[in-house]
Amino acid sequence: MANHVLPALVLNDVEDVALGVRHTCARLVEGTVACWGENGSGQIGNNSTNAVFAPLPIPTLAGAAAVRLGSDHSCALFGDGSMKCWGEGEAGQLGLSTTADALAPQLVSLRGAGLLTVGPASSSAVIDGELWAWGANADAQLGIGHAEPVLVPTLTKAGLVKRVALGGRHGCAIRTSGELVCWGANDAGQLGNGTTEPSALPVPVAFPSEVP
């Protein structure tokens, strides 16, 4: 199919949109969620691995409050605090106790989530201020104190948080106190603590001292 070098109308009445590497999902104001794009791992959620070339409503996601996409997996948060994930599961990023792919949205075994964040091959949820994470962890990028595989939601060491961001090899969170902490790989100084040493535990970002 031909590329577009200018914006082209895809959908109307879109409330939110999320992008993966090669797939997209949109949440419409009416509560419908539609997805399209690459689907080799089932990341569209239509119980297939065939690519989808136009927005396709996913009935089991109706009423979702948020949708977030990783490289090849997807997750949705619902108003009752439940979560569903689907797509590639090789790193445990679906939180389903397995490394198998899921071709349709599957319920994650946690309740009460108020915030959903997804990295390239990891996922996380905030429940009552506490950060739970799962998925790729070879660089201790989940902040749980080790670099072992994590196939189910696991409580991190981040403390009480209000914002979270997950990168490919590190993560960061803003604590409810306002403190910014990061963890994981640090070879390029991505933890912002003045070193290049990795950390399996959250460490405070060292902001430059204010100059009078």
C-alpha atoms as a PDB file:
ATOM      1  CA  MET A   1       0.000   0.000   0.000  1.00  0.00           C
ATOM      2  CA  ALA A   2       1.165   3.532  -0.767  1.00  0.00           C
ATOM      3  CA  ASN A   3       2.658   5.747   1.930  1.00  0.00           C
ATOM      4  CA  HIS A   4       1.041   9.081   2.806  1.00  0.00           C
ATOM      5  CA  VAL A   5       3.323  12.094   3.026  1.00  0.00           C
ATOM      6  CA  LEU A   6       0.513  14.306   4.340  1.00  0.00           C
ATOM      7  CA  PRO A   7      -2.020  13.670   7.138  1.00  0.00           C
ATOM      8  CA  ALA A   8      -5.011  11.623   5.958  1.00  0.00           C
ATOM      9  CA  LEU A   9      -8.348  11.294   7.762  1.00  0.00           C
ATOM     10  CA  VAL A  10      -8.626   7.958   9.536  1.00  0.00           C
ATOM     11  CA  LEU A  11     -11.432   8.359  12.089  1.00  0.00           C
ATOM     12  CA  ASN A  12     -13.725  11.014  13.521  1.00  0.00           C
ATOM     13  CA  ASP A  13     -14.664  11.566  17.178  1.00  0.00           C
ATOM     14  CA  VAL A  14     -11.400  10.170  18.539  1.00  0.00           C
ATOM     15  CA  GLU A  15     -10.880  10.636  22.284  1.00  0.00           C
ATOM     16  CA  ASP A  16      -7.377   9.146  22.511  1.00  0.00           C
ATOM     17  CA  VAL A  17      -4.838   7.364  20.314  1.00  0.00           C
ATOM     18  CA  ALA A  18      -1.928   5.021  21.056  1.00  0.00           C
ATOM     19  CA  LEU A  19       0.923   3.898  18.803  1.00  0.00           C
ATOM     20  CA  GLY A  20       2.983   0.718  18.746  1.00  0.00           C
ATOM     21  CA  VAL A  21       5.876   0.095  16.392  1.00  0.00           C
ATOM     22  CA  ARG A  22       3.575  -0.886  13.536  1.00  0.00           C
ATOM     23  CA  HIS A  23       0.070  -0.892  14.964  1.00  0.00           C
ATOM     24  CA  THR A  24      -2.350   1.750  16.203  1.00  0.00           C
ATOM     25  CA  CYS A  25      -5.421   1.847  18.453  1.00  0.00           C
ATOM     26  CA  ALA A  26      -7.917   4.668  18.897  1.00  0.00           C
ATOM     27  CA  ARG A  27     -10.501   5.156  21.625  1.00  0.00           C
ATOM     28  CA  LEU A  28     -13.603   6.943  20.387  1.00  0.00           C
ATOM     29  CA  VAL A  29     -15.824   9.285  22.383  1.00  0.00           C
ATOM     30  CA  GLU A  30     -18.651   6.743  22.227  1.00  0.00           C
ATOM     31  CA  GLY A  31     -16.511   4.159  24.049  1.00  0.00           C
ATOM     32  CA  THR A  32     -15.489   2.050  21.061  1.00  0.00           C
ATOM     33  CA  VAL A  33     -11.844   0.970  20.626  1.00  0.00           C
ATOM     34  CA  ALA A  34     -10.600   0.323  17.091  1.00  0.00           C
ATOM     35  CA  CYS A  35      -7.165  -0.995  16.112  1.00  0.00           C
ATOM     36  CA  TRP A  36      -5.260  -1.513  12.864  1.00  0.00           C
ATOM     37  CA  GLY A  37      -1.819  -2.321  11.453  1.00  0.00           C
ATOM     38  CA  GLU A  38       0.696  -5.152  11.891  1.00  0.00           C
ATOM     39  CA  ASN A  39      -0.774  -8.160  13.671  1.00  0.00           C
ATOM     40  CA  GLY A  40       1.805 -10.940  13.558  1.00  0.00           C
ATOM     41  CA  SER A  41       1.672 -11.399  17.330  1.00  0.00           C
ATOM     42  CA  GLY A  42      -2.043 -10.748  17.695  1.00  0.00           C
ATOM     43  CA  GLN A  43      -1.524  -7.166  18.848  1.00  0.00           C
ATOM     44  CA  ILE A  44      -4.724  -5.976  17.143  1.00  0.00           C
ATOM     45  CA  GLY A  45      -6.775  -8.240  19.414  1.00  0.00           C
ATOM     46  CA  ASN A  46      -9.131  -9.692  16.783  1.00  0.00           C
ATOM     47  CA  ASN A  47      -8.132 -13.346  17.361  1.00  0.00           C
ATOM     48  CA  SER A  48      -6.030 -13.353  14.195  1.00  0.00           C
ATOM     49  CA  THR A  49      -2.474 -12.736  13.030  1.00  0.00           C
ATOM     50  CA  ASN A  50      -3.459 -11.141   9.726  1.00  0.00           C
ATOM     51  CA  ALA A  51      -2.591  -7.479   9.204  1.00  0.00           C
ATOM     52  CA  VAL A  52      -5.512  -5.068   9.477  1.00  0.00           C
ATOM     53  CA  PHE A  53      -5.521  -2.169   7.001  1.00  0.00           C
ATOM     54  CA  ALA A  54      -8.433  -0.102   8.358  1.00  0.00           C
ATOM     55  CA  PRO A  55      -9.721   0.681  11.871  1.00  0.00           C
ATOM     56  CA  LEU A  56     -11.328  -2.455  13.267  1.00  0.00           C
ATOM     57  CA  PRO A  57     -13.590  -2.201  16.349  1.00  0.00           C
ATOM     58  CA  ILE A  58     -12.624  -4.701  19.062  1.00  0.00           C
ATOM     59  CA  PRO A  59     -15.885  -5.560  20.912  1.00  0.00           C
ATOM     60  CA  THR A  60     -14.191  -6.847  24.063  1.00  0.00           C
ATOM     61  CA  LEU A  61     -12.571  -3.426  24.566  1.00  0.00           C
ATOM     62  CA  ALA A  62     -15.802  -1.426  24.535  1.00  0.00           C
ATOM     63  CA  GLY A  63     -15.849   1.072  27.389  1.00  0.00           C
ATOM     64  CA  ALA A  64     -12.085   1.065  27.957  1.00  0.00           C
ATOM     65  CA  ALA A  65     -10.837   4.119  29.843  1.00  0.00           C
ATOM     66  CA  ALA A  66      -7.333   3.959  28.328  1.00  0.00           C
ATOM     67  CA  VAL A  67      -5.396   1.958  25.754  1.00  0.00           C
ATOM     68  CA  ARG A  68      -1.583   1.806  25.637  1.00  0.00           C
ATOM     69  CA  LEU A  69       0.637   0.005  23.131  1.00  0.00           C
ATOM     70  CA  GLY A  70       4.104  -1.511  23.361  1.00  0.00           C
ATOM     71  CA  SER A  71       6.208  -2.583  20.413  1.00  0.00           C
ATOM     72  CA  ASP A  72       4.086  -5.655  19.670  1.00  0.00           C
ATOM     73  CA  HIS A  73       1.645  -5.887  22.563  1.00  0.00           C
ATOM     74  CA  SER A  74      -1.315  -3.872  23.779  1.00  0.00           C
ATOM     75  CA  CYS A  75      -3.114  -3.242  27.076  1.00  0.00           C
ATOM     76  CA  ALA A  76      -6.360  -1.566  28.068  1.00  0.00           C
ATOM     77  CA  LEU A  77      -7.564  -0.156  31.388  1.00  0.00           C
ATOM     78  CA  PHE A  78     -11.242  -0.133  32.319  1.00  0.00           C
ATOM     79  CA  GLY A  79     -13.189   2.122  34.650  1.00  0.00           C
ATOM     80  CA  ASP A  80     -13.607  -0.609  37.259  1.00  0.00           C
ATOM     81  CA  GLY A  81      -9.820  -0.889  37.621  1.00  0.00           C
ATOM     82  CA  SER A  82      -9.499  -4.113  35.621  1.00  0.00           C
ATOM     83  CA  MET A  83      -6.988  -4.553  32.803  1.00  0.00           C
ATOM     84  CA  LYS A  84      -6.678  -6.608  29.644  1.00  0.00           C
ATOM     85  CA  CYS A  85      -3.537  -7.251  27.586  1.00  0.00           C
ATOM     86  CA  TRP A  86      -2.924  -9.029  24.274  1.00  0.00           C
ATOM     87  CA  GLY A  87      -0.336  -9.524  21.542  1.00  0.00           C
ATOM     88  CA  GLU A  88       3.279 -10.622  21.971  1.00  0.00           C
ATOM     89  CA  GLY A  89       4.016 -12.335  25.273  1.00  0.00           C
ATOM     90  CA  GLU A  90       7.602 -13.502  24.809  1.00  0.00           C
ATOM     91  CA  ALA A  91       8.927 -11.353  27.663  1.00  0.00           C
ATOM     92  CA  GLY A  92       5.907 -11.857  29.920  1.00  0.00           C
ATOM     93  CA  GLN A  93       4.620  -8.376  29.046  1.00  0.00           C
ATOM     94  CA  LEU A  94       0.993  -9.560  29.070  1.00  0.00           C
ATOM     95  CA  GLY A  95       1.117 -10.470  32.764  1.00  0.00           C
ATOM     96  CA  LEU A  96      -0.611 -13.802  32.135  1.00  0.00           C
ATOM     97  CA  SER A  97       1.936 -16.184  33.756  1.00  0.00           C
ATOM     98  CA  THR A  98       3.117 -17.302  30.330  1.00  0.00           C
ATOM     99  CA  THR A  99       5.349 -16.256  27.447  1.00  0.00           C
ATOM    100  CA  ALA A 100       2.760 -17.230  24.843  1.00  0.00           C
ATOM    101  CA  ASP A 101       1.178 -14.650  22.564  1.00  0.00           C
ATOM    102  CA  ALA A 102      -2.490 -13.781  23.066  1.00  0.00           C
ATOM    103  CA  LEU A 103      -4.542 -13.112  19.935  1.00  0.00           C
ATOM    104  CA  ALA A 104      -7.432 -11.523  21.859  1.00  0.00           C
ATOM    105  CA  PRO A 105      -7.603  -9.331  24.992  1.00  0.00           C
ATOM    106  CA  GLN A 106      -7.057 -11.348  28.181  1.00  0.00           C
ATOM    107  CA  LEU A 107      -7.857 -10.280  31.730  1.00  0.00           C
ATOM    108  CA  VAL A 108      -4.790  -9.517  33.865  1.00  0.00           C
ATOM    109  CA  SER A 109      -4.973 -10.823  37.435  1.00  0.00           C
ATOM    110  CA  LEU A 110      -5.071  -7.489  39.252  1.00  0.00           C
ATOM    111  CA  ARG A 111      -7.812  -5.128  40.324  1.00  0.00           C
ATOM    112  CA  GLY A 112      -8.095  -1.481  41.242  1.00  0.00           C
ATOM    113  CA  ALA A 113      -5.667  -0.061  38.692  1.00  0.00           C
ATOM    114  CA  GLY A 114      -5.899   3.684  38.232  1.00  0.00           C
ATOM    115  CA  LEU A 115      -3.025   4.254  35.813  1.00  0.00           C
ATOM    116  CA  LEU A 116      -1.700   2.117  32.954  1.00  0.00           C
ATOM    117  CA  THR A 117       1.750   2.512  31.380  1.00  0.00           C
ATOM    118  CA  VAL A 118       3.316   0.323  28.697  1.00  0.00           C
ATOM    119  CA  GLY A 119       6.917   0.088  27.512  1.00  0.00           C
ATOM    120  CA  PRO A 120       8.261  -1.631  24.390  1.00  0.00           C
ATOM    121  CA  ALA A 121       8.106  -5.083  26.055  1.00  0.00           C
ATOM    122  CA  SER A 122       6.808  -4.349  29.552  1.00  0.00           C
ATOM    123  CA  SER A 123       3.667  -3.124  31.271  1.00  0.00           C
ATOM    124  CA  SER A 124       2.745  -1.514  34.567  1.00  0.00           C
ATOM    125  CA  ALA A 125      -0.222  -0.409  36.618  1.00  0.00           C
ATOM    126  CA  VAL A 126      -0.598   1.895  39.607  1.00  0.00           C
ATOM    127  CA  ILE A 127      -2.933   0.655  42.338  1.00  0.00           C
ATOM    128  CA  ASP A 128      -3.536   2.942  45.321  1.00  0.00           C
ATOM    129  CA  GLY A 129      -0.291   4.726  44.487  1.00  0.00           C
ATOM    130  CA  GLU A 130       1.802   1.544  44.343  1.00  0.00           C
ATOM    131  CA  LEU A 131       3.507   0.587  41.090  1.00  0.00           C
ATOM    132  CA  TRP A 132       3.155  -2.973  39.793  1.00  0.00           C
ATOM    133  CA  ALA A 133       5.157  -4.064  36.745  1.00  0.00           C
ATOM    134  CA  TRP A 134       5.817  -7.089  34.543  1.00  0.00           C
ATOM    135  CA  GLY A 135       7.562  -8.077  31.317  1.00  0.00           C
ATOM    136  CA  ALA A 136      11.112  -7.556  30.005  1.00  0.00           C
ATOM    137  CA  ASN A 137      13.541  -7.210  32.890  1.00  0.00           C
ATOM    138  CA  ALA A 138      17.026  -8.213  31.668  1.00  0.00           C
ATOM    139  CA  ASP A 139      18.317  -4.771  32.677  1.00  0.00           C
ATOM    140  CA  ALA A 140      16.266  -4.613  35.897  1.00  0.00           C
ATOM    141  CA  GLN A 141      14.088  -2.069  34.106  1.00  0.00           C
ATOM    142  CA  LEU A 142      11.016  -2.965  36.167  1.00  0.00           C
ATOM    143  CA  GLY A 143      12.436  -1.547  39.385  1.00  0.00           C
ATOM    144  CA  ILE A 144      11.694  -4.611  41.491  1.00  0.00           C
ATOM    145  CA  GLY A 145      15.241  -5.131  42.756  1.00  0.00           C
ATOM    146  CA  HIS A 146      16.451  -7.874  40.405  1.00  0.00           C
ATOM    147  CA  ALA A 147      16.837  -8.760  36.731  1.00  0.00           C
ATOM    148  CA  GLU A 148      14.905 -12.030  36.675  1.00  0.00           C
ATOM    149  CA  PRO A 149      11.971 -12.663  34.285  1.00  0.00           C
ATOM    150  CA  VAL A 150       8.644 -11.313  35.498  1.00  0.00           C
ATOM    151  CA  LEU A 151       5.538 -12.966  34.035  1.00  0.00           C
ATOM    152  CA  VAL A 152       2.901 -11.608  36.437  1.00  0.00           C
ATOM    153  CA  PRO A 153       2.231  -8.199  38.021  1.00  0.00           C
ATOM    154  CA  THR A 154       4.875  -7.672  40.722  1.00  0.00           C
ATOM    155  CA  LEU A 155       5.122  -4.867  43.261  1.00  0.00           C
ATOM    156  CA  THR A 156       8.054  -2.563  42.506  1.00  0.00           C
ATOM    157  CA  LYS A 157      10.296  -0.674  44.913  1.00  0.00           C
ATOM    158  CA  ALA A 158       9.265   2.729  43.546  1.00  0.00           C
ATOM    159  CA  GLY A 159       7.174   3.735  46.555  1.00  0.00           C
ATOM    160  CA  LEU A 160       4.013   5.765  46.123  1.00  0.00           C
ATOM    161  CA  VAL A 161       3.889   7.246  42.630  1.00  0.00           C
ATOM    162  CA  LYS A 162       1.634   9.414  40.484  1.00  0.00           C
ATOM    163  CA  ARG A 163       3.310   9.224  37.042  1.00  0.00           C
ATOM    164  CA  VAL A 164       5.295   6.457  35.338  1.00  0.00           C
ATOM    165  CA  ALA A 165       7.277   6.093  32.101  1.00  0.00           C
ATOM    166  CA  LEU A 166       8.787   2.840  30.815  1.00  0.00           C
ATOM    167  CA  GLY A 167      11.611   2.817  28.284  1.00  0.00           C
ATOM    168  CA  GLY A 168      13.188  -0.171  26.592  1.00  0.00           C
ATOM    169  CA  ARG A 169      15.879  -0.677  29.258  1.00  0.00           C
ATOM    170  CA  HIS A 170      14.981   1.724  32.080  1.00  0.00           C
ATOM    171  CA  GLY A 171      11.992   3.255  33.816  1.00  0.00           C
ATOM    172  CA  CYS A 172      11.167   6.412  35.767  1.00  0.00           C
ATOM    173  CA  ALA A 173       8.399   7.535  38.105  1.00  0.00           C
ATOM    174  CA  ILE A 174       7.320  10.680  39.867  1.00  0.00           C
ATOM    175  CA  ARG A 175       6.577   9.903  43.485  1.00  0.00           C
ATOM    176  CA  THR A 176       3.610  11.489  45.226  1.00  0.00           C
ATOM    177  CA  SER A 177       6.185  13.555  47.131  1.00  0.00           C
ATOM    178  CA  GLY A 178       7.291  15.096  43.823  1.00  0.00           C
ATOM    179  CA  GLU A 179      10.630  13.257  43.752  1.00  0.00           C
ATOM    180  CA  LEU A 180      11.695  11.812  40.382  1.00  0.00           C
ATOM    181  CA  VAL A 181      13.317   8.364  40.533  1.00  0.00           C
ATOM    182  CA  CYS A 182      14.668   6.086  37.793  1.00  0.00           C
ATOM    183  CA  TRP A 183      16.009   2.519  37.572  1.00  0.00           C
ATOM    184  CA  GLY A 184      17.466  -0.017  35.146  1.00  0.00           C
ATOM    185  CA  ALA A 185      20.242   0.373  32.575  1.00  0.00           C
ATOM    186  CA  ASN A 186      22.433   3.451  32.865  1.00  0.00           C
ATOM    187  CA  ASP A 187      25.201   3.057  30.287  1.00  0.00           C
ATOM    188  CA  ALA A 188      24.225   6.357  28.665  1.00  0.00           C
ATOM    189  CA  GLY A 189      23.427   8.102  31.957  1.00  0.00           C
ATOM    190  CA  GLN A 190      19.689   7.550  31.475  1.00  0.00           C
ATOM    191  CA  LEU A 191      19.039   7.376  35.227  1.00  0.00           C
ATOM    192  CA  GLY A 192      20.170  10.968  35.681  1.00  0.00           C
ATOM    193  CA  ASN A 193      22.006  10.316  38.925  1.00  0.00           C
ATOM    194  CA  GLY A 194      25.432  11.470  37.766  1.00  0.00           C
ATOM    195  CA  THR A 195      26.821   7.978  37.121  1.00  0.00           C
ATOM    196  CA  THR A 196      26.736   5.282  34.466  1.00  0.00           C
ATOM    197  CA  GLU A 197      26.153   2.493  36.980  1.00  0.00           C
ATOM    198  CA  PRO A 198      22.928   0.503  36.500  1.00  0.00           C
ATOM    199  CA  SER A 199      20.469   0.206  39.360  1.00  0.00           C
ATOM    200  CA  ALA A 200      17.926  -2.527  40.045  1.00  0.00           C
ATOM    201  CA  LEU A 201      16.292  -0.185  42.554  1.00  0.00           C
ATOM    202  CA  PRO A 202      14.856   3.302  41.983  1.00  0.00           C
ATOM    203  CA  VAL A 203      17.438   6.055  42.521  1.00  0.00           C
ATOM    204  CA  PRO A 204      16.703   9.805  42.759  1.00  0.00           C
ATOM    205  CA  VAL A 205      17.503  11.933  39.733  1.00  0.00           C
ATOM    206  CA  ALA A 206      20.232  14.429  40.660  1.00  0.00           C
ATOM    207  CA  PHE A 207      19.108  17.788  39.323  1.00  0.00           C
ATOM    208  CA  PRO A 208      21.798  20.524  39.058  1.00  0.00           C
ATOM    209  CA  SER A 209      21.877  22.866  42.028  1.00  0.00           C
ATOM    210  CA  GLU A 210      20.121  26.139  41.449  1.00  0.00           C
ATOM    211  CA  VAL A 211      22.482  29.004  40.757  1.00  0.00           C
ATOM    212  CA  PRO A 212      21.552  32.224  42.601  1.00  0.00           C
END
